[in-house]
């Protein structure tokens, strides 16, 4: 196994770089095709989410692989290599497996324990299968990562170690108040009707928002989502509005949640400033209190919409599933929302083994790059951050008039809105800063134990699988020898009847099988242990096996596996 991963994430790169380095569907496909066209890579796939871009490949040369994959990432992301290099991390062989398994369990996510990354891993595998860039190693690795992630969620309380990105964002907006208390009677505008926006709308309804307006470029999706919200049993009033009317809608809502997937800004600072200016008088006359809560009774739904239920009860899991399916046909996945684990202190001075992390990667030796990966994991993300902005109940002494939660990558909402009096903005970057101080739960340690165990098991299985073609070739050679000797016996003793000939043939085969059984079983055991890769070569040398025969067995095996693998499960 020569697995290599080169990538960047919210841990290693600032949001501004991640935004510019995002990959659309066409860019992913071109990246994978170019990766396989490159000499060092035999198979590959890409895991690209809002918070990470990682290129996985089976390479035959480490340094050439790092150089080639880094260059390809830069070319297809549109960020120059010299600018991208300081934020890249590199993992190789078992460490690469450990990284992906940790990602699958939500340990490397923005809010620890988020499970939505499993869907994105599944998509990455499906893409590699669809483009025929995923071979035996990528298939085995990603299928196992999905199983490890599911195991972590089923065997531990990792889900409790973190919170959903939406809920965590609402807590940052609510500051010192419980979210349910803060949410009562508020009006919200949800921008977008995809998977993330749908789950955001479901969360808003669950915690007690009185009214939700849904704006989407495709009106039918917005209307469908609004209808499902009304039928959810939470008592929320929901309606669809045109995306072109979003700026005007700001004047009558208290909270905006946005995740549209647009490539440019959806709300500018001018839009927000104008809305706050126009809406302040109207909200004051309506009797809003200092926390921005709407007065009782809660706003009634627009004509034509019925309200089911009486209070903010939990949304049924089936309703959430319908929200996702109805919003986007299941094509989009919830953003990689996990949590940042507690970072070690940033090393003082020159802590990174490759200088300040800005040297060209291609010329660095493998061990230094591995150390650089660890250094980047623990320190570089923190080093890149700006001083934290404390979340306040008031902004510049002014009561919050409009609270904005931007979950999009790239941003939907102009970051400059935080300068507008009475406006509070929480975005992906500030969520990462806030979650960095979250305490680690015992469940996280349990998941780390699962990851360590599964990495060892995966490595052993891969090493054992590596010797299998050699064992198969050995048995094939033995069978050929048996056939030749039986044919020779037929020529020398032609008077044997069929029963006698069959008995002789079976006896010879049993002798050969018994002689080969113990050594082949033992060599598989030895090969599965660390450092056992040399046993396959020793077996080939001892029995003078044709390397081309072994290679043909490997190719046939891989082809059979690709035919049977189907789609990611």
Protein backbone atom coordinates (compact mmCIF):
# COMPACT_ATOMS: atom_id res chain seq x y z
CA UNK A 1 0.00 0.00 0.00
CA UNK A 2 1.39 3.38 -1.05
CA UNK A 3 -1.54 5.62 -0.17
CA UNK A 4 -0.86 9.34 -0.31
CA UNK A 5 -3.18 12.21 0.62
CA UNK A 6 -2.41 15.86 -0.10
CA UNK A 7 -4.94 18.45 0.98
CA UNK A 8 -5.99 21.48 2.95
CA UNK A 9 -8.83 22.05 5.40
CA UNK A 10 -10.26 24.47 7.92
CA UNK A 11 -7.48 23.31 10.24
CA UNK A 12 -4.62 24.34 7.98
CA UNK A 13 -5.99 27.18 5.85
CA UNK A 14 -7.97 30.37 6.45
CA UNK A 15 -11.50 30.64 5.07
CA UNK A 16 -10.36 33.06 2.37
CA UNK A 17 -8.06 30.39 0.89
CA UNK A 18 -10.63 27.60 1.20
CA UNK A 19 -13.20 29.75 -0.60
CA UNK A 20 -10.91 30.33 -3.55
CA UNK A 21 -9.74 26.71 -3.67
CA UNK A 22 -13.22 25.20 -3.91
CA UNK A 23 -13.84 22.67 -6.72
CA UNK A 24 -17.00 22.34 -8.78
CA UNK A 25 -18.11 19.04 -10.34
CA UNK A 26 -16.24 19.60 -13.62
CA UNK A 27 -13.04 20.58 -11.80
CA UNK A 28 -13.20 17.40 -9.69
CA UNK A 29 -13.56 15.21 -12.77
CA UNK A 30 -10.69 16.94 -14.59
CA UNK A 31 -8.52 16.75 -11.47
CA UNK A 32 -9.01 12.98 -11.20
CA UNK A 33 -8.39 12.34 -14.88
CA UNK A 34 -5.20 14.41 -14.78
CA UNK A 35 -4.09 12.64 -11.60
CA UNK A 36 -4.30 9.25 -13.29
CA UNK A 37 -2.54 10.64 -16.33
CA UNK A 38 0.35 11.64 -14.08
CA UNK A 39 3.07 9.02 -13.82
CA UNK A 40 3.17 8.43 -10.04
CA UNK A 41 -0.57 7.72 -9.54
CA UNK A 42 -2.35 4.43 -10.30
CA UNK A 43 -5.76 5.36 -8.84
CA UNK A 44 -7.31 8.34 -7.09
CA UNK A 45 -10.36 10.16 -5.81
CA UNK A 46 -11.02 13.59 -4.30
CA UNK A 47 -12.87 14.49 -1.10
CA UNK A 48 -14.05 18.08 -1.55
CA UNK A 49 -16.38 19.74 0.95
CA UNK A 50 -16.98 23.25 2.24
CA UNK A 51 -14.19 22.79 4.75
CA UNK A 52 -11.64 20.56 3.03
CA UNK A 53 -10.14 19.54 -0.30
CA UNK A 54 -8.16 16.29 -0.19
CA UNK A 55 -6.72 14.30 -3.07
CA UNK A 56 -6.19 10.59 -2.33
CA UNK A 57 -4.00 8.50 -4.62
CA UNK A 58 -2.13 5.21 -4.81
CA UNK A 59 1.39 6.24 -5.84
CA UNK A 60 4.58 4.35 -6.56
CA UNK A 61 6.93 7.24 -5.68
CA UNK A 62 6.46 9.38 -2.58
CA UNK A 63 8.32 12.57 -3.51
CA UNK A 64 7.13 12.57 -7.10
CA UNK A 65 3.61 11.89 -5.86
CA UNK A 66 3.65 14.80 -3.41
CA UNK A 67 4.99 17.15 -6.05
CA UNK A 68 2.51 16.04 -8.72
CA UNK A 69 -0.57 16.03 -6.48
CA UNK A 70 0.28 19.45 -5.03
CA UNK A 71 0.73 20.89 -8.51
CA UNK A 72 -2.55 19.39 -9.73
CA UNK A 73 -4.47 20.74 -6.73
CA UNK A 74 -3.11 24.20 -7.45
CA UNK A 75 -3.93 24.01 -11.16
CA UNK A 76 -7.51 22.88 -10.71
CA UNK A 77 -8.34 24.98 -7.64
CA UNK A 78 -7.14 28.17 -9.28
CA UNK A 79 -4.82 29.07 -6.38
CA UNK A 80 -1.16 29.45 -7.31
CA UNK A 81 1.11 26.68 -5.99
CA UNK A 82 3.36 29.05 -4.08
CA UNK A 83 0.31 30.46 -2.31
CA UNK A 84 -1.32 27.09 -1.69
CA UNK A 85 1.78 25.24 -0.45
CA UNK A 86 1.93 26.75 3.08
CA UNK A 87 -1.54 25.40 3.82
CA UNK A 88 -1.12 21.88 2.41
CA UNK A 89 -0.71 18.81 4.60
CA UNK A 90 0.63 15.43 3.53
CA UNK A 91 -0.17 11.98 4.96
CA UNK A 92 1.32 8.71 3.72
CA UNK A 93 0.44 5.02 4.08
CA UNK A 94 -0.91 4.16 7.58
CA UNK A 95 -1.02 7.83 8.54
CA UNK A 96 -3.17 8.58 5.50
CA UNK A 97 -5.55 5.79 6.52
CA UNK A 98 -5.66 7.17 10.07
CA UNK A 99 -6.48 10.62 8.72
CA UNK A 100 -9.41 9.44 6.57
CA UNK A 101 -10.84 7.26 9.35
CA UNK A 102 -10.64 10.23 11.74
CA UNK A 103 -12.41 12.40 9.18
CA UNK A 104 -15.12 9.75 8.74
CA UNK A 105 -15.73 9.67 12.50
CA UNK A 106 -16.10 13.44 12.71
CA UNK A 107 -12.90 13.93 14.72
CA UNK A 108 -11.43 16.28 12.13
CA UNK A 109 -14.62 18.27 11.55
CA UNK A 110 -15.53 21.75 12.69
CA UNK A 111 -17.92 20.50 15.37
CA UNK A 112 -16.80 17.13 16.74
CA UNK A 113 -19.07 14.19 16.00
CA UNK A 114 -20.91 15.52 12.95
CA UNK A 115 -22.01 12.60 10.79
CA UNK A 116 -22.70 14.45 7.54
CA UNK A 117 -19.11 13.91 6.40
CA UNK A 118 -20.01 10.25 5.86
CA UNK A 119 -22.28 11.29 3.01
CA UNK A 120 -19.47 13.28 1.46
CA UNK A 121 -17.06 10.34 1.75
CA UNK A 122 -19.67 8.18 0.07
CA UNK A 123 -19.94 10.76 -2.73
CA UNK A 124 -16.15 10.84 -3.14
CA UNK A 125 -16.05 7.07 -3.57
CA UNK A 126 -18.99 7.12 -5.96
CA UNK A 127 -17.23 9.76 -8.06
CA UNK A 128 -14.07 7.67 -8.28
CA UNK A 129 -16.12 4.62 -9.26
CA UNK A 130 -18.12 6.54 -11.84
CA UNK A 131 -14.98 7.98 -13.47
CA UNK A 132 -13.12 4.63 -13.12
CA UNK A 133 -10.32 6.28 -11.17
CA UNK A 134 -10.90 4.26 -7.99
CA UNK A 135 -9.19 0.88 -7.95
CA UNK A 136 -8.70 -1.77 -5.30
CA UNK A 137 -7.00 0.45 -2.70
CA UNK A 138 -9.37 3.43 -2.96
CA UNK A 139 -12.42 1.16 -2.96
CA UNK A 140 -11.21 -0.78 0.08
CA UNK A 141 -10.15 2.36 1.92
CA UNK A 142 -13.30 4.42 1.44
CA UNK A 143 -15.68 1.50 2.00
CA UNK A 144 -13.87 0.78 5.26
CA UNK A 145 -13.92 4.47 6.22
CA UNK A 146 -17.71 4.45 5.88
CA UNK A 147 -17.92 1.37 8.11
CA UNK A 148 -15.57 2.89 10.69
CA UNK A 149 -17.58 6.11 10.79
CA UNK A 150 -20.83 4.21 11.29
CA UNK A 151 -19.22 2.08 13.98
CA UNK A 152 -18.03 5.19 15.85
CA UNK A 153 -21.52 6.67 15.85
CA UNK A 154 -23.21 3.42 16.88
CA UNK A 155 -20.76 2.31 19.60
CA UNK A 156 -20.00 5.64 21.27
CA UNK A 157 -21.71 8.89 22.18
CA UNK A 158 -19.63 10.89 19.70
CA UNK A 159 -22.85 12.55 18.49
CA UNK A 160 -23.13 14.13 21.93
CA UNK A 161 -19.54 15.39 21.85
CA UNK A 162 -20.50 18.05 19.36
CA UNK A 163 -23.59 19.79 18.07
CA UNK A 164 -24.99 20.36 14.63
CA UNK A 165 -23.47 23.28 12.80
CA UNK A 166 -26.82 25.08 12.70
CA UNK A 167 -27.49 24.64 16.41
CA UNK A 168 -23.95 25.65 17.27
CA UNK A 169 -24.32 28.75 15.11
CA UNK A 170 -27.62 29.67 16.76
CA UNK A 171 -25.98 29.33 20.17
CA UNK A 172 -23.35 31.82 19.06
CA UNK A 173 -26.08 34.23 17.99
CA UNK A 174 -28.06 33.73 21.20
CA UNK A 175 -24.93 34.37 23.33
CA UNK A 176 -25.87 33.82 26.99
CA UNK A 177 -29.51 32.86 26.43
CA UNK A 178 -30.70 29.29 25.82
CA UNK A 179 -31.49 28.95 22.13
CA UNK A 180 -35.13 28.01 22.75
CA UNK A 181 -35.68 31.04 24.97
CA UNK A 182 -33.93 33.34 22.51
CA UNK A 183 -35.84 31.92 19.51
CA UNK A 184 -39.39 32.26 20.82
CA UNK A 185 -41.50 34.43 18.52
CA UNK A 186 -38.68 35.35 16.16
CA UNK A 187 -38.99 35.52 12.40
CA UNK A 188 -36.30 34.00 10.17
CA UNK A 189 -35.28 34.12 6.54
CA UNK A 190 -33.59 31.03 5.11
CA UNK A 191 -31.64 31.59 1.92
CA UNK A 192 -31.45 28.45 -0.20
CA UNK A 193 -33.46 25.24 -0.28
CA UNK A 194 -30.71 22.63 -0.55
CA UNK A 195 -29.75 20.05 2.05
CA UNK A 196 -28.01 22.42 4.46
CA UNK A 197 -30.68 25.12 4.18
CA UNK A 198 -33.42 22.51 4.63
CA UNK A 199 -31.85 21.19 7.83
CA UNK A 200 -31.34 24.76 9.01
CA UNK A 201 -35.03 25.46 8.45
CA UNK A 202 -35.97 22.28 10.34
CA UNK A 203 -33.76 23.35 13.26
CA UNK A 204 -35.30 26.82 13.35
CA UNK A 205 -38.76 25.32 13.45
CA UNK A 206 -37.78 22.87 16.17
CA UNK A 207 -36.30 25.47 18.52
CA UNK A 208 -39.39 27.69 18.38
CA UNK A 209 -39.18 30.27 15.61
CA UNK A 210 -42.64 31.65 14.85
CA UNK A 211 -42.21 32.31 11.15
CA UNK A 212 -39.78 31.19 8.45
CA UNK A 213 -39.51 32.65 4.97
CA UNK A 214 -37.64 30.53 2.40
CA UNK A 215 -35.94 32.19 -0.57
CA UNK A 216 -34.48 30.16 -3.40
CA UNK A 217 -33.64 30.79 -7.04
CA UNK A 218 -35.93 27.89 -7.97
CA UNK A 219 -39.34 28.95 -6.63
CA UNK A 220 -40.76 25.40 -6.65
CA UNK A 221 -38.13 24.17 -4.19
CA UNK A 222 -38.75 27.07 -1.83
CA UNK A 223 -42.51 26.44 -1.94
CA UNK A 224 -42.04 22.74 -1.33
CA UNK A 225 -39.79 23.32 1.66
CA UNK A 226 -42.25 25.84 3.12
CA UNK A 227 -45.10 23.35 2.77
CA UNK A 228 -43.13 20.63 4.56
CA UNK A 229 -42.22 23.02 7.37
CA UNK A 230 -45.88 23.89 7.90
CA UNK A 231 -46.73 20.17 8.03
CA UNK A 232 -43.88 19.37 10.44
CA UNK A 233 -45.98 19.74 13.57
CA UNK A 234 -43.84 22.46 15.11
CA UNK A 235 -46.41 25.24 14.81
CA UNK A 236 -44.21 27.36 12.58
CA UNK A 237 -45.66 29.54 9.84
CA UNK A 238 -43.68 29.16 6.63
CA UNK A 239 -43.84 30.79 3.23
CA UNK A 240 -41.77 30.99 0.07
CA UNK A 241 -40.40 34.28 -1.28
CA UNK A 242 -38.50 35.12 -4.44
CA UNK A 243 -34.72 35.31 -4.11
CA UNK A 244 -34.91 38.75 -5.71
CA UNK A 245 -37.01 39.90 -2.74
CA UNK A 246 -34.52 38.66 -0.11
CA UNK A 247 -33.08 42.11 0.56
CA UNK A 248 -36.55 43.56 1.15
CA UNK A 249 -37.43 40.60 3.38
CA UNK A 250 -34.62 41.61 5.74
CA UNK A 251 -36.75 44.46 7.05
CA UNK A 252 -39.26 42.11 8.68
CA UNK A 253 -37.09 39.28 10.06
CA UNK A 254 -34.85 38.94 13.09
CA UNK A 255 -32.53 36.17 11.89
CA UNK A 256 -31.11 35.13 8.51
CA UNK A 257 -29.56 31.72 7.85
CA UNK A 258 -27.86 31.33 4.47
CA UNK A 259 -26.27 28.45 2.60
CA UNK A 260 -26.99 28.77 -1.11
CA UNK A 261 -23.91 27.39 -2.82
CA UNK A 262 -23.70 30.58 -4.90
CA UNK A 263 -20.27 31.60 -6.17
CA UNK A 264 -20.77 35.28 -5.27
CA UNK A 265 -22.31 37.28 -2.45
CA UNK A 266 -26.05 36.91 -1.95
CA UNK A 267 -26.34 39.73 0.61
CA UNK A 268 -24.06 42.74 0.43
CA UNK A 269 -23.23 45.14 3.23
CA UNK A 270 -25.36 47.77 1.47
CA UNK A 271 -28.36 45.40 1.40
CA UNK A 272 -28.09 44.76 5.13
CA UNK A 273 -27.43 48.40 6.06
CA UNK A 274 -30.45 49.57 4.08
CA UNK A 275 -32.70 46.91 5.58
CA UNK A 276 -31.61 47.67 9.15
CA UNK A 277 -32.20 51.35 8.57
CA UNK A 278 -35.67 50.81 7.12
CA UNK A 279 -36.69 48.09 9.52
CA UNK A 280 -35.63 49.57 12.85
CA UNK A 281 -38.57 51.97 13.09
CA UNK A 282 -41.07 49.32 12.09
CA UNK A 283 -39.76 46.85 14.67
CA UNK A 284 -39.69 49.51 17.39
CA UNK A 285 -43.31 50.42 16.77
CA UNK A 286 -44.19 46.73 16.83
CA UNK A 287 -42.95 46.53 20.43
CA UNK A 288 -39.76 44.48 20.17
CA UNK A 289 -37.92 44.10 23.46
CA UNK A 290 -34.22 44.61 23.99
CA UNK A 291 -33.41 41.09 22.92
CA UNK A 292 -35.08 41.50 19.57
CA UNK A 293 -37.98 39.19 20.42
CA UNK A 294 -41.33 39.70 18.78
CA UNK A 295 -44.31 40.48 21.02
CA UNK A 296 -47.07 38.03 21.82
CA UNK A 297 -49.11 36.79 20.16
CA UNK A 298 -46.78 35.19 17.63
CA UNK A 299 -47.26 36.25 14.02
CA UNK A 300 -49.99 34.40 12.18
CA UNK A 301 -49.18 32.49 9.01
CA UNK A 302 -49.96 34.05 5.65
CA UNK A 303 -53.25 33.24 3.98
CA UNK A 304 -53.41 29.78 2.52
CA UNK A 305 -50.98 28.20 5.00
CA UNK A 306 -52.23 26.07 7.86
CA UNK A 307 -50.35 25.60 11.13
CA UNK A 308 -50.26 22.13 12.63
CA UNK A 309 -49.37 21.50 16.24
CA UNK A 310 -49.16 23.95 19.07
CA UNK A 311 -45.58 24.24 20.24
CA UNK A 312 -41.91 23.76 19.47
CA UNK A 313 -41.85 19.99 19.74
CA UNK A 314 -39.06 17.95 18.22
CA UNK A 315 -39.24 17.36 14.48
CA UNK A 316 -39.66 13.72 13.62
CA UNK A 317 -36.60 12.17 11.97
CA UNK A 318 -38.74 11.30 8.98
CA UNK A 319 -39.61 14.94 8.51
CA UNK A 320 -35.94 15.89 8.43
CA UNK A 321 -35.28 13.16 5.86
CA UNK A 322 -38.14 14.49 3.73
CA UNK A 323 -36.74 17.99 4.03
CA UNK A 324 -33.42 16.89 2.62
CA UNK A 325 -34.92 14.74 -0.12
CA UNK A 326 -37.52 17.32 -1.12
CA UNK A 327 -35.08 20.18 -1.15
CA UNK A 328 -32.46 18.79 -3.44
CA UNK A 329 -33.30 15.33 -4.62
CA UNK A 330 -30.58 13.94 -2.38
CA UNK A 331 -27.84 15.26 -4.63
CA UNK A 332 -26.20 17.67 -2.19
CA UNK A 333 -24.73 16.82 1.16
CA UNK A 334 -24.72 18.70 4.42
CA UNK A 335 -21.56 20.71 4.77
CA UNK A 336 -18.66 19.07 6.58
CA UNK A 337 -19.63 20.38 9.96
CA UNK A 338 -17.77 18.49 12.59
CA UNK A 339 -15.70 20.30 15.27
CA UNK A 340 -12.19 21.44 15.81
CA UNK A 341 -10.55 19.44 18.53
CA UNK A 342 -8.54 21.29 21.17
CA UNK A 343 -5.35 22.39 19.45
CA UNK A 344 -1.97 22.01 21.05
CA UNK A 345 -0.08 25.22 21.68
CA UNK A 346 1.49 26.66 18.56
CA UNK A 347 5.23 25.97 18.67
CA UNK A 348 7.31 29.01 19.43
CA UNK A 349 9.88 30.03 16.90
CA UNK A 350 10.70 27.58 14.16
CA UNK A 351 8.57 24.63 15.29
CA UNK A 352 7.92 23.19 11.85
CA UNK A 353 10.54 20.78 10.49
CA UNK A 354 10.27 22.38 7.04
CA UNK A 355 10.98 25.91 8.20
CA UNK A 356 7.94 28.15 8.45
CA UNK A 357 5.89 25.79 6.33
CA UNK A 358 6.36 27.93 3.23
CA UNK A 359 9.18 26.02 1.56
CA UNK A 360 8.35 24.12 -1.62
CA UNK A 361 7.11 20.67 -0.68
CA UNK A 362 8.75 18.71 -3.47
CA UNK A 363 12.29 19.01 -2.10
CA UNK A 364 11.57 17.88 1.43
CA UNK A 365 12.25 14.34 2.62
CA UNK A 366 9.41 12.02 3.58
CA UNK A 367 10.01 12.05 7.33
CA UNK A 368 10.09 15.85 7.45
CA UNK A 369 6.86 16.02 5.49
CA UNK A 370 5.23 13.62 7.93
CA UNK A 371 6.38 15.82 10.81
CA UNK A 372 5.13 18.85 8.93
CA UNK A 373 1.70 17.20 8.70
CA UNK A 374 1.61 16.83 12.47
CA UNK A 375 2.84 20.38 13.00
CA UNK A 376 0.20 21.76 10.64
CA UNK A 377 -2.52 19.73 12.38
CA UNK A 378 -1.65 21.17 15.77
CA UNK A 379 -0.52 24.67 15.11
CA UNK A 380 -0.85 26.19 11.69
CA UNK A 381 -4.61 26.66 11.77
CA UNK A 382 -4.32 28.54 15.03
CA UNK A 383 -1.39 30.57 13.76
CA UNK A 384 -3.38 31.71 10.73
CA UNK A 385 -6.33 32.94 12.76
CA UNK A 386 -6.93 36.57 13.46
CA UNK A 387 -7.51 37.59 17.10
CA UNK A 388 -10.88 36.29 18.16
CA UNK A 389 -13.88 38.52 18.09
CA UNK A 390 -15.96 37.94 21.20
CA UNK A 391 -19.65 37.37 20.61
CA UNK A 392 -21.57 40.08 22.41
CA UNK A 393 -25.15 40.58 23.45
CA UNK A 394 -24.82 44.04 21.95
CA UNK A 395 -22.81 45.21 18.98
CA UNK A 396 -20.94 48.47 19.61
CA UNK A 397 -23.41 49.31 22.38
CA UNK A 398 -26.43 48.87 20.09
CA UNK A 399 -29.01 46.14 20.67
CA UNK A 400 -28.89 43.49 17.96
CA UNK A 401 -31.47 44.24 15.30
CA UNK A 402 -30.50 41.55 12.78
CA UNK A 403 -28.60 38.30 13.43
CA UNK A 404 -26.95 36.60 10.45
CA UNK A 405 -25.71 33.00 10.26
CA UNK A 406 -23.68 32.33 7.11
CA UNK A 407 -23.00 28.61 6.64
CA UNK A 408 -21.91 28.87 3.01
CA UNK A 409 -18.50 28.33 1.51
CA UNK A 410 -17.78 30.59 -0.32
CA UNK A 411 -19.55 33.21 1.80
CA UNK A 412 -23.11 34.23 1.00
CA UNK A 413 -23.01 37.32 3.21
CA UNK A 414 -20.51 40.16 2.96
CA UNK A 415 -18.15 39.96 5.95
CA UNK A 416 -18.26 43.76 6.16
CA UNK A 417 -21.78 43.64 7.66
CA UNK A 418 -20.25 43.15 11.13
CA UNK A 419 -19.39 46.86 11.05
CA UNK A 420 -23.06 47.84 10.76
CA UNK A 421 -24.54 48.94 14.12
CA UNK A 422 -27.15 46.48 15.35
CA UNK A 423 -25.96 43.58 13.17
CA UNK A 424 -24.31 40.40 14.41
CA UNK A 425 -22.68 38.00 11.94
CA UNK A 426 -21.61 34.43 12.67
CA UNK A 427 -19.89 32.60 9.81
CA UNK A 428 -17.84 29.47 9.24
CA UNK A 429 -14.64 31.14 10.37
CA UNK A 430 -16.05 32.46 13.63
CA UNK A 431 -17.67 29.08 14.32
CA UNK A 432 -14.26 27.44 13.94
CA UNK A 433 -12.78 29.92 16.40
CA UNK A 434 -15.58 29.40 18.91
CA UNK A 435 -15.49 25.62 18.71
CA UNK A 436 -11.71 25.44 19.17
CA UNK A 437 -12.20 25.95 22.91
CA UNK A 438 -14.89 23.26 23.27
CA UNK A 439 -13.93 20.63 25.88
CA UNK A 440 -13.14 17.15 24.61
CA UNK A 441 -15.52 14.45 25.72
CA UNK A 442 -14.60 10.95 26.85
CA UNK A 443 -16.47 9.71 23.79
CA UNK A 444 -13.85 11.34 21.59
CA UNK A 445 -11.15 9.25 23.26
CA UNK A 446 -13.25 6.15 22.66
CA UNK A 447 -13.57 7.01 18.98
CA UNK A 448 -9.84 7.60 18.73
CA UNK A 449 -9.34 4.10 20.12
CA UNK A 450 -11.68 2.71 17.44
CA UNK A 451 -9.75 4.58 14.74
CA UNK A 452 -6.40 3.22 15.97
CA UNK A 453 -7.79 -0.32 16.07
CA UNK A 454 -9.33 -0.06 12.60
CA UNK A 455 -6.17 1.43 11.07
CA UNK A 456 -4.16 -1.55 12.34
CA UNK A 457 -6.76 -4.00 11.01
CA UNK A 458 -6.90 -2.27 7.63
CA UNK A 459 -3.13 -2.28 7.30
CA UNK A 460 -2.96 -5.99 8.16
CA UNK A 461 -5.69 -6.81 5.63
CA UNK A 462 -3.94 -4.82 2.90
CA UNK A 463 -0.60 -6.46 3.58
CA UNK A 464 -2.23 -9.89 3.55
CA UNK A 465 -4.03 -9.05 0.32
CA UNK A 466 -0.72 -7.99 -1.21
CA UNK A 467 0.66 -11.52 -0.93
CA UNK A 468 -2.50 -13.23 -2.17
CA UNK A 469 -1.61 -13.00 -5.91
CA UNK A 470 1.74 -14.65 -5.14
CA UNK A 471 0.03 -17.48 -3.25
CA UNK A 472 -2.50 -17.92 -6.05
CA UNK A 473 0.32 -18.03 -8.61
CA UNK A 474 2.14 -20.63 -6.50
CA UNK A 475 -0.93 -22.86 -6.32
CA UNK A 476 -1.51 -22.44 -10.04
CA UNK A 477 2.05 -23.55 -10.71
CA UNK A 478 1.54 -26.56 -8.43
CA UNK A 479 -1.68 -27.49 -10.24
CA UNK A 480 0.14 -27.26 -13.56
CA UNK A 481 2.89 -29.59 -12.27
CA UNK A 482 0.25 -32.10 -11.11
CA UNK A 483 -1.46 -32.00 -14.52
CA UNK A 484 1.84 -32.54 -16.34
CA UNK A 485 2.82 -35.49 -14.14
CA UNK A 486 -0.61 -37.13 -14.49
CA UNK A 487 -0.35 -36.78 -18.27
CA UNK A 488 3.14 -38.28 -18.14
CA UNK A 489 1.80 -41.19 -16.07
CA UNK A 490 -0.93 -41.79 -18.64
CA UNK A 491 1.74 -42.17 -21.31
CA UNK A 492 3.80 -44.58 -19.25
CA UNK A 493 0.89 -46.63 -17.82
CA UNK A 494 -1.82 -46.56 -20.52
CA UNK A 495 -3.70 -49.56 -19.10
CA UNK A 496 -5.07 -47.68 -16.07
CA UNK A 497 -8.85 -47.54 -16.08
CA UNK A 498 -10.75 -44.33 -15.34
CA UNK A 499 -11.29 -45.14 -11.65
CA UNK A 500 -7.60 -45.86 -11.09
CA UNK A 501 -6.50 -42.77 -13.03
CA UNK A 502 -8.87 -40.59 -10.97
CA UNK A 503 -7.60 -42.06 -7.71
CA UNK A 504 -3.95 -41.45 -8.66
CA UNK A 505 -4.73 -37.88 -9.73
CA UNK A 506 -6.60 -37.14 -6.52
CA UNK A 507 -3.77 -38.61 -4.41
CA UNK A 508 -1.13 -36.43 -6.09
CA UNK A 509 -3.30 -33.34 -5.66
CA UNK A 510 -3.81 -34.10 -1.95
CA UNK A 511 -0.08 -34.47 -1.43
CA UNK A 512 0.62 -31.12 -3.12
CA UNK A 513 -2.17 -29.35 -1.22
CA UNK A 514 -0.94 -30.66 2.13
CA UNK A 515 2.63 -29.64 1.38
CA UNK A 516 1.56 -26.10 0.40
CA UNK A 517 -1.08 -25.56 3.08
CA UNK A 518 1.11 -24.78 6.09
CA UNK A 519 3.60 -22.49 4.30
CA UNK A 520 0.90 -20.49 2.48
CA UNK A 521 -1.17 -19.99 5.63
CA UNK A 522 1.90 -18.98 7.59
CA UNK A 523 3.19 -16.62 4.92
CA UNK A 524 -0.16 -14.82 4.90
CA UNK A 525 0.05 -14.42 8.67
CA UNK A 526 3.59 -13.11 8.47
CA UNK A 527 2.74 -10.76 5.60
CA UNK A 528 -0.08 -9.16 7.60
CA UNK A 529 2.35 -8.01 10.27
CA UNK A 530 4.26 -4.72 10.02
CA UNK A 531 7.30 -5.17 7.82
CA UNK A 532 5.83 -8.28 6.21
CA UNK A 533 5.82 -6.96 2.65
CA UNK A 534 9.06 -8.82 1.84
CA UNK A 535 7.52 -12.28 2.25
CA UNK A 536 5.79 -12.12 -1.11
CA UNK A 537 9.09 -11.45 -2.86
CA UNK A 538 10.77 -14.22 -0.88
CA UNK A 539 8.05 -16.65 -1.97
CA UNK A 540 8.48 -15.68 -5.61
CA UNK A 541 12.24 -16.18 -5.38
CA UNK A 542 12.04 -19.54 -3.58
CA UNK A 543 9.60 -21.08 -6.07
CA UNK A 544 10.92 -19.20 -9.12
CA UNK A 545 7.47 -17.77 -9.89
CA UNK A 546 7.05 -15.75 -13.05
CA UNK A 547 6.47 -12.06 -12.06
CA UNK A 548 4.19 -11.65 -15.08
CA UNK A 549 1.97 -14.47 -13.83
CA UNK A 550 1.69 -12.82 -10.41
CA UNK A 551 0.89 -9.46 -12.04
CA UNK A 552 -1.81 -11.01 -14.23
CA UNK A 553 -3.46 -12.53 -11.14
CA UNK A 554 -3.42 -9.10 -9.48
CA UNK A 555 -5.01 -7.45 -12.52
CA UNK A 556 -7.71 -10.07 -12.79
CA UNK A 557 -8.43 -9.76 -9.07
CA UNK A 558 -8.73 -5.99 -9.31
CA UNK A 559 -11.03 -6.23 -12.33
CA UNK A 560 -13.31 -8.69 -10.52
CA UNK A 561 -13.46 -6.42 -7.49
CA UNK A 562 -14.34 -3.36 -9.60
CA UNK A 563 -17.10 -5.31 -11.33
CA UNK A 564 -18.56 -6.41 -8.00
CA UNK A 565 -18.11 -3.18 -6.05
CA UNK A 566 -21.05 -1.34 -7.60
CA UNK A 567 -21.66 1.98 -5.94
CA UNK A 568 -20.58 3.15 -2.50
CA UNK A 569 -22.84 1.75 0.18
